Amino acid sequence: MALAFVVTLQSPLPGVKEAAGKALAREADRLDTSARSRGVTALTSLLSENQEALIAQLKEEGFDPTKMRIPPEKWYSAAEGLKTVRALTEYVTANLNNFKQPNPILRDLKAAEAVLVAAEAKGIGFHFTKTAVS
């Protein structure tokens, strides 16, 4: 199974589907380097997990979550996410040859931007979540 970064909203928005980005997860290191060069927050710095879901996943994988420090779920402003996503879109567009598959990355960034625009309009926080997808 592949990993994807999913835009998770603090509260649901009717008519807004979550954006899953396999290319974002696959190219996370390169995108984080690009974000730092543009002076914006790295994608992986905007990752967080729901504690209950993380505990369930750990139990499923045979770990004892009571012996671990489970971090609290963090929420970020949609404006901060938009700043990162837009800066990365500009960077990837200007440097297509620096990426093996720039089109899927740009598609994932545009999908994330659409969700974040809707979240910002309603004042809803977000974070990226790592999710396994087929």
N, C-alpha and C. Protein backbone atom coordinates (compact mmCIF):
# COMPACT_ATOMS: atom_id res chain seq x y z
N MET A 1 0.83 -1.19 0.00
CA MET A 1 0.00 0.00 0.00
C MET A 1 0.87 1.25 0.00
N ALA A 2 0.40 2.25 -0.68
CA ALA A 2 1.11 3.53 -0.76
C ALA A 2 0.63 4.46 0.35
N LEU A 3 1.45 5.41 0.68
CA LEU A 3 1.06 6.44 1.65
C LEU A 3 0.56 7.66 0.91
N ALA A 4 -0.35 8.38 1.55
CA ALA A 4 -0.85 9.64 1.01
C ALA A 4 -0.94 10.63 2.15
N PHE A 5 -0.80 11.91 1.82
CA PHE A 5 -1.07 12.97 2.77
C PHE A 5 -2.49 13.43 2.49
N VAL A 6 -3.33 13.40 3.51
CA VAL A 6 -4.73 13.78 3.38
C VAL A 6 -4.95 15.07 4.16
N VAL A 7 -5.66 16.01 3.57
CA VAL A 7 -6.05 17.23 4.28
C VAL A 7 -7.21 16.86 5.19
N THR A 8 -6.97 16.94 6.50
CA THR A 8 -7.99 16.62 7.51
C THR A 8 -8.46 17.93 8.12
N LEU A 9 -9.78 18.15 8.10
CA LEU A 9 -10.35 19.38 8.63
C LEU A 9 -10.83 19.20 10.07
N GLN A 10 -10.73 20.28 10.83
CA GLN A 10 -11.12 20.25 12.24
C GLN A 10 -12.61 20.01 12.39
N SER A 11 -13.41 20.49 11.47
CA SER A 11 -14.83 20.20 11.42
C SER A 11 -15.24 20.00 9.97
N PRO A 12 -16.23 19.14 9.76
CA PRO A 12 -16.62 18.85 8.37
C PRO A 12 -17.19 20.06 7.65
N LEU A 13 -16.95 20.09 6.35
CA LEU A 13 -17.51 21.12 5.49
C LEU A 13 -18.39 20.44 4.45
N PRO A 14 -19.69 20.71 4.46
CA PRO A 14 -20.57 20.08 3.47
C PRO A 14 -20.11 20.37 2.05
N GLY A 15 -20.08 19.34 1.24
CA GLY A 15 -19.71 19.48 -0.16
C GLY A 15 -18.22 19.53 -0.43
N VAL A 16 -17.40 19.46 0.62
CA VAL A 16 -15.94 19.49 0.44
C VAL A 16 -15.39 18.10 0.72
N LYS A 17 -14.76 17.52 -0.30
CA LYS A 17 -14.16 16.19 -0.15
C LYS A 17 -12.71 16.34 0.26
N GLU A 18 -12.26 15.42 1.11
CA GLU A 18 -10.85 15.50 1.52
C GLU A 18 -9.95 15.23 0.32
N ALA A 19 -8.81 15.87 0.32
CA ALA A 19 -7.85 15.73 -0.77
C ALA A 19 -6.73 14.80 -0.31
N ALA A 20 -6.54 13.70 -1.04
CA ALA A 20 -5.47 12.75 -0.71
C ALA A 20 -4.37 12.89 -1.75
N GLY A 21 -3.14 13.04 -1.27
CA GLY A 21 -2.03 13.25 -2.17
C GLY A 21 -0.95 12.20 -2.05
N LYS A 22 -1.00 11.18 -2.91
CA LYS A 22 0.07 10.16 -2.92
C LYS A 22 1.39 10.76 -3.37
N ALA A 23 1.35 11.66 -4.33
CA ALA A 23 2.58 12.28 -4.82
C ALA A 23 3.21 13.16 -3.74
N LEU A 24 2.38 13.79 -2.92
CA LEU A 24 2.91 14.62 -1.84
C LEU A 24 3.66 13.77 -0.83
N ALA A 25 3.11 12.61 -0.49
CA ALA A 25 3.78 11.71 0.45
C ALA A 25 5.06 11.14 -0.16
N ARG A 26 4.98 10.76 -1.42
CA ARG A 26 6.12 10.16 -2.10
C ARG A 26 7.29 11.13 -2.22
N GLU A 27 7.00 12.40 -2.46
CA GLU A 27 8.03 13.43 -2.66
C GLU A 27 8.17 14.35 -1.44
N ALA A 28 7.77 13.88 -0.26
CA ALA A 28 7.75 14.73 0.94
C ALA A 28 9.11 15.35 1.25
N ASP A 29 10.17 14.57 1.17
CA ASP A 29 11.50 15.12 1.49
C ASP A 29 11.89 16.25 0.53
N ARG A 30 11.70 16.02 -0.74
CA ARG A 30 12.05 17.04 -1.74
C ARG A 30 11.14 18.27 -1.60
N LEU A 31 9.86 18.04 -1.32
CA LEU A 31 8.93 19.17 -1.14
C LEU A 31 9.25 19.95 0.13
N ASP A 32 9.66 19.26 1.19
CA ASP A 32 10.04 19.96 2.42
C ASP A 32 11.26 20.85 2.18
N THR A 33 12.23 20.33 1.44
CA THR A 33 13.41 21.13 1.10
C THR A 33 13.00 22.34 0.27
N SER A 34 12.09 22.14 -0.66
CA SER A 34 11.59 23.24 -1.49
C SER A 34 10.85 24.27 -0.64
N ALA A 35 10.05 23.82 0.32
CA ALA A 35 9.31 24.73 1.20
C ALA A 35 10.28 25.58 2.02
N ARG A 36 11.31 24.93 2.56
CA ARG A 36 12.30 25.69 3.35
C ARG A 36 13.00 26.74 2.48
N SER A 37 13.29 26.38 1.23
CA SER A 37 13.96 27.35 0.34
C SER A 37 13.04 28.53 0.02
N ARG A 38 11.73 28.31 0.09
CA ARG A 38 10.76 29.40 -0.17
C ARG A 38 10.37 30.13 1.11
N GLY A 39 10.87 29.67 2.26
CA GLY A 39 10.58 30.34 3.53
C GLY A 39 9.19 30.07 4.08
N VAL A 40 8.61 28.91 3.73
CA VAL A 40 7.28 28.55 4.25
C VAL A 40 7.39 27.26 5.06
N THR A 41 6.34 26.95 5.78
CA THR A 41 6.30 25.75 6.61
C THR A 41 6.34 24.50 5.74
N ALA A 42 7.16 23.54 6.13
CA ALA A 42 7.26 22.27 5.39
C ALA A 42 5.98 21.46 5.55
N LEU A 43 5.64 20.67 4.53
CA LEU A 43 4.44 19.84 4.59
C LEU A 43 4.46 18.91 5.80
N THR A 44 5.61 18.28 6.06
CA THR A 44 5.66 17.32 7.17
C THR A 44 5.53 18.02 8.52
N SER A 45 5.78 19.32 8.57
CA SER A 45 5.57 20.06 9.82
C SER A 45 4.09 20.30 10.08
N LEU A 46 3.28 20.09 9.07
CA LEU A 46 1.83 20.27 9.18
C LEU A 46 1.10 18.93 9.36
N LEU A 47 1.87 17.87 9.62
CA LEU A 47 1.28 16.55 9.86
C LEU A 47 0.85 16.41 11.31
N SER A 48 -0.26 15.73 11.55
CA SER A 48 -0.70 15.39 12.89
C SER A 48 -1.61 14.17 12.77
N GLU A 49 -1.89 13.56 13.89
CA GLU A 49 -2.74 12.36 13.89
C GLU A 49 -3.79 12.47 14.99
N ASN A 50 -4.94 11.89 14.78
CA ASN A 50 -5.97 11.75 15.79
C ASN A 50 -5.49 10.72 16.80
N GLN A 51 -5.50 11.06 18.10
CA GLN A 51 -4.96 10.16 19.11
C GLN A 51 -5.68 8.81 19.13
N GLU A 52 -6.99 8.81 19.04
CA GLU A 52 -7.74 7.55 19.10
C GLU A 52 -7.39 6.66 17.90
N ALA A 53 -7.30 7.26 16.73
CA ALA A 53 -6.95 6.49 15.53
C ALA A 53 -5.53 5.95 15.63
N LEU A 54 -4.62 6.76 16.17
CA LEU A 54 -3.23 6.32 16.31
C LEU A 54 -3.12 5.18 17.32
N ILE A 55 -3.85 5.27 18.42
CA ILE A 55 -3.85 4.20 19.43
C ILE A 55 -4.40 2.91 18.82
N ALA A 56 -5.50 3.01 18.06
CA ALA A 56 -6.08 1.82 17.42
C ALA A 56 -5.10 1.20 16.44
N GLN A 57 -4.42 2.03 15.66
CA GLN A 57 -3.44 1.54 14.70
C GLN A 57 -2.28 0.84 15.41
N LEU A 58 -1.79 1.42 16.49
CA LEU A 58 -0.70 0.81 17.24
C LEU A 58 -1.10 -0.55 17.80
N LYS A 59 -2.31 -0.63 18.36
CA LYS A 59 -2.80 -1.90 18.89
C LYS A 59 -2.91 -2.95 17.78
N GLU A 60 -3.42 -2.52 16.62
CA GLU A 60 -3.57 -3.42 15.47
C GLU A 60 -2.22 -3.97 15.01
N GLU A 61 -1.18 -3.16 15.16
CA GLU A 61 0.16 -3.57 14.74
C GLU A 61 0.93 -4.28 15.85
N GLY A 62 0.26 -4.54 17.00
CA GLY A 62 0.87 -5.32 18.07
C GLY A 62 1.66 -4.51 19.08
N PHE A 63 1.52 -3.20 19.09
CA PHE A 63 2.23 -2.36 20.06
C PHE A 63 1.32 -2.05 21.24
N ASP A 64 1.92 -1.74 22.37
CA ASP A 64 1.17 -1.35 23.56
C ASP A 64 1.24 0.17 23.70
N PRO A 65 0.17 0.88 23.30
CA PRO A 65 0.21 2.34 23.32
C PRO A 65 0.32 2.93 24.73
N THR A 66 0.00 2.15 25.78
CA THR A 66 0.10 2.67 27.14
C THR A 66 1.55 2.88 27.53
N LYS A 67 2.47 2.27 26.80
CA LYS A 67 3.89 2.41 27.09
C LYS A 67 4.56 3.47 26.20
N MET A 68 3.73 4.24 25.50
CA MET A 68 4.25 5.26 24.59
C MET A 68 3.62 6.61 24.90
N ARG A 69 4.34 7.64 24.53
CA ARG A 69 3.78 8.99 24.63
C ARG A 69 3.10 9.30 23.30
N ILE A 70 1.79 9.38 23.35
CA ILE A 70 1.01 9.67 22.15
C ILE A 70 0.82 11.19 22.07
N PRO A 71 1.34 11.82 21.01
CA PRO A 71 1.23 13.28 20.92
C PRO A 71 -0.22 13.73 20.71
N PRO A 72 -0.55 14.90 21.23
CA PRO A 72 -1.91 15.41 21.00
C PRO A 72 -2.08 15.82 19.53
N GLU A 73 -3.29 15.77 19.08
CA GLU A 73 -3.60 16.19 17.71
C GLU A 73 -3.44 17.71 17.62
N LYS A 74 -2.72 18.17 16.59
CA LYS A 74 -2.50 19.61 16.40
C LYS A 74 -3.29 20.10 15.20
N TRP A 75 -3.77 21.32 15.32
CA TRP A 75 -4.50 21.96 14.22
C TRP A 75 -3.76 23.21 13.79
N TYR A 76 -3.78 23.48 12.51
CA TYR A 76 -3.10 24.64 11.94
C TYR A 76 -4.12 25.48 11.19
N SER A 77 -3.80 26.75 11.01
CA SER A 77 -4.72 27.61 10.26
C SER A 77 -4.66 27.24 8.78
N ALA A 78 -5.80 27.31 8.15
CA ALA A 78 -5.86 27.03 6.71
C ALA A 78 -5.01 28.04 5.95
N ALA A 79 -4.89 29.25 6.46
CA ALA A 79 -4.07 30.27 5.80
C ALA A 79 -2.61 29.84 5.75
N GLU A 80 -2.12 29.22 6.83
CA GLU A 80 -0.74 28.73 6.84
C GLU A 80 -0.56 27.61 5.82
N GLY A 81 -1.54 26.71 5.75
CA GLY A 81 -1.48 25.63 4.76
C GLY A 81 -1.51 26.17 3.34
N LEU A 82 -2.35 27.18 3.11
CA LEU A 82 -2.42 27.77 1.76
C LEU A 82 -1.10 28.42 1.38
N LYS A 83 -0.47 29.08 2.32
CA LYS A 83 0.81 29.71 2.04
C LYS A 83 1.83 28.66 1.58
N THR A 84 1.88 27.53 2.27
CA THR A 84 2.80 26.45 1.90
C THR A 84 2.43 25.84 0.56
N VAL A 85 1.17 25.49 0.39
CA VAL A 85 0.72 24.82 -0.84
C VAL A 85 0.94 25.72 -2.06
N ARG A 86 0.63 26.99 -1.93
CA ARG A 86 0.81 27.90 -3.07
C ARG A 86 2.28 28.12 -3.39
N ALA A 87 3.11 28.25 -2.36
CA ALA A 87 4.56 28.42 -2.60
C ALA A 87 5.13 27.17 -3.28
N LEU A 88 4.67 26.00 -2.85
CA LEU A 88 5.16 24.76 -3.47
C LEU A 88 4.67 24.62 -4.91
N THR A 89 3.44 25.04 -5.17
CA THR A 89 2.92 25.00 -6.54
C THR A 89 3.77 25.88 -7.44
N GLU A 90 4.10 27.08 -6.99
CA GLU A 90 4.95 27.97 -7.77
C GLU A 90 6.33 27.36 -7.98
N TYR A 91 6.89 26.78 -6.93
CA TYR A 91 8.23 26.22 -7.01
C TYR A 91 8.28 25.04 -7.99
N VAL A 92 7.33 24.10 -7.84
CA VAL A 92 7.32 22.92 -8.72
C VAL A 92 7.09 23.36 -10.17
N THR A 93 6.19 24.30 -10.40
CA THR A 93 5.92 24.79 -11.75
C THR A 93 7.17 25.40 -12.38
N ALA A 94 7.93 26.13 -11.57
CA ALA A 94 9.15 26.79 -12.08
C ALA A 94 10.33 25.83 -12.21
N ASN A 95 10.25 24.67 -11.57
CA ASN A 95 11.37 23.72 -11.55
C ASN A 95 10.91 22.31 -11.90
N LEU A 96 10.16 22.17 -12.98
CA LEU A 96 9.60 20.88 -13.37
C LEU A 96 10.66 19.78 -13.49
N ASN A 97 11.83 20.12 -13.95
CA ASN A 97 12.87 19.11 -14.16
C ASN A 97 13.51 18.61 -12.87
N ASN A 98 13.22 19.25 -11.75
CA ASN A 98 13.75 18.81 -10.46
C ASN A 98 12.93 17.68 -9.85
N PHE A 99 11.81 17.33 -10.48
CA PHE A 99 10.91 16.32 -9.94
C PHE A 99 10.68 15.23 -10.98
N LYS A 100 10.65 13.97 -10.52
CA LYS A 100 10.44 12.85 -11.44
C LYS A 100 9.07 12.91 -12.10
N GLN A 101 8.05 13.21 -11.29
CA GLN A 101 6.68 13.27 -11.81
C GLN A 101 6.01 14.55 -11.28
N PRO A 102 6.28 15.68 -11.91
CA PRO A 102 5.72 16.94 -11.39
C PRO A 102 4.20 17.06 -11.54
N ASN A 103 3.63 16.46 -12.58
CA ASN A 103 2.18 16.63 -12.79
C ASN A 103 1.34 16.06 -11.65
N PRO A 104 1.62 14.84 -11.15
CA PRO A 104 0.85 14.36 -10.00
C PRO A 104 1.04 15.24 -8.76
N ILE A 105 2.24 15.78 -8.57
CA ILE A 105 2.48 16.67 -7.43
C ILE A 105 1.62 17.92 -7.57
N LEU A 106 1.62 18.52 -8.75
CA LEU A 106 0.82 19.72 -8.97
C LEU A 106 -0.67 19.44 -8.81
N ARG A 107 -1.12 18.29 -9.28
CA ARG A 107 -2.53 17.90 -9.12
C ARG A 107 -2.89 17.78 -7.63
N ASP A 108 -2.02 17.13 -6.85
CA ASP A 108 -2.27 16.98 -5.41
C ASP A 108 -2.26 18.33 -4.70
N LEU A 109 -1.34 19.21 -5.08
CA LEU A 109 -1.28 20.53 -4.47
C LEU A 109 -2.54 21.34 -4.79
N LYS A 110 -3.02 21.27 -6.03
CA LYS A 110 -4.24 21.99 -6.41
C LYS A 110 -5.45 21.46 -5.64
N ALA A 111 -5.53 20.14 -5.46
CA ALA A 111 -6.64 19.55 -4.70
C ALA A 111 -6.59 19.99 -3.24
N ALA A 112 -5.39 20.00 -2.66
CA ALA A 112 -5.23 20.46 -1.27
C ALA A 112 -5.61 21.94 -1.16
N GLU A 113 -5.20 22.73 -2.16
CA GLU A 113 -5.52 24.16 -2.15
C GLU A 113 -7.03 24.39 -2.15
N ALA A 114 -7.77 23.62 -2.94
CA ALA A 114 -9.22 23.79 -3.00
C ALA A 114 -9.87 23.54 -1.64
N VAL A 115 -9.42 22.50 -0.94
CA VAL A 115 -9.96 22.19 0.39
C VAL A 115 -9.58 23.29 1.37
N LEU A 116 -8.34 23.74 1.31
CA LEU A 116 -7.87 24.77 2.25
C LEU A 116 -8.54 26.12 2.02
N VAL A 117 -8.84 26.45 0.77
CA VAL A 117 -9.57 27.69 0.48
C VAL A 117 -10.95 27.65 1.15
N ALA A 118 -11.63 26.53 1.02
CA ALA A 118 -12.95 26.38 1.65
C ALA A 118 -12.84 26.44 3.17
N ALA A 119 -11.81 25.81 3.73
CA ALA A 119 -11.61 25.82 5.18
C ALA A 119 -11.30 27.23 5.68
N GLU A 120 -10.47 27.95 4.94
CA GLU A 120 -10.12 29.32 5.35
C GLU A 120 -11.36 30.21 5.35
N ALA A 121 -12.21 30.05 4.35
CA ALA A 121 -13.43 30.87 4.26
C ALA A 121 -14.33 30.67 5.47
N LYS A 122 -14.29 29.49 6.06
CA LYS A 122 -15.14 29.18 7.22
C LYS A 122 -14.38 29.24 8.55
N GLY A 123 -13.09 29.56 8.48
CA GLY A 123 -12.29 29.65 9.71
C GLY A 123 -12.03 28.31 10.37
N ILE A 124 -11.91 27.26 9.56
CA ILE A 124 -11.71 25.90 10.07
C ILE A 124 -10.24 25.52 9.98
N GLY A 125 -9.72 24.95 11.06
CA GLY A 125 -8.34 24.49 11.08
C GLY A 125 -8.18 23.19 10.32
N PHE A 126 -6.92 22.80 10.10
CA PHE A 126 -6.62 21.58 9.36
C PHE A 126 -5.29 21.01 9.82
N HIS A 127 -5.02 19.83 9.38
CA HIS A 127 -3.67 19.27 9.39
C HIS A 127 -3.61 18.21 8.31
N PHE A 128 -2.41 17.87 7.88
CA PHE A 128 -2.23 16.74 6.98
C PHE A 128 -2.15 15.49 7.84
N THR A 129 -2.70 14.40 7.36
CA THR A 129 -2.63 13.10 8.01
C THR A 129 -2.02 12.12 7.04
N LYS A 130 -1.11 11.28 7.51
CA LYS A 130 -0.57 10.20 6.68
C LYS A 130 -1.59 9.07 6.68
N THR A 131 -1.94 8.60 5.48
CA THR A 131 -2.93 7.54 5.35
C THR A 131 -2.46 6.54 4.31
N ALA A 132 -2.69 5.27 4.59
CA ALA A 132 -2.39 4.23 3.60
C ALA A 132 -3.54 4.16 2.59
N VAL A 133 -3.19 4.17 1.31
CA VAL A 133 -4.20 4.10 0.25
C VAL A 133 -3.77 3.05 -0.76
N SER A 134 -4.74 2.52 -1.49
CA SER A 134 -4.40 1.51 -2.49
C SER A 134 -4.23 2.14 -3.85
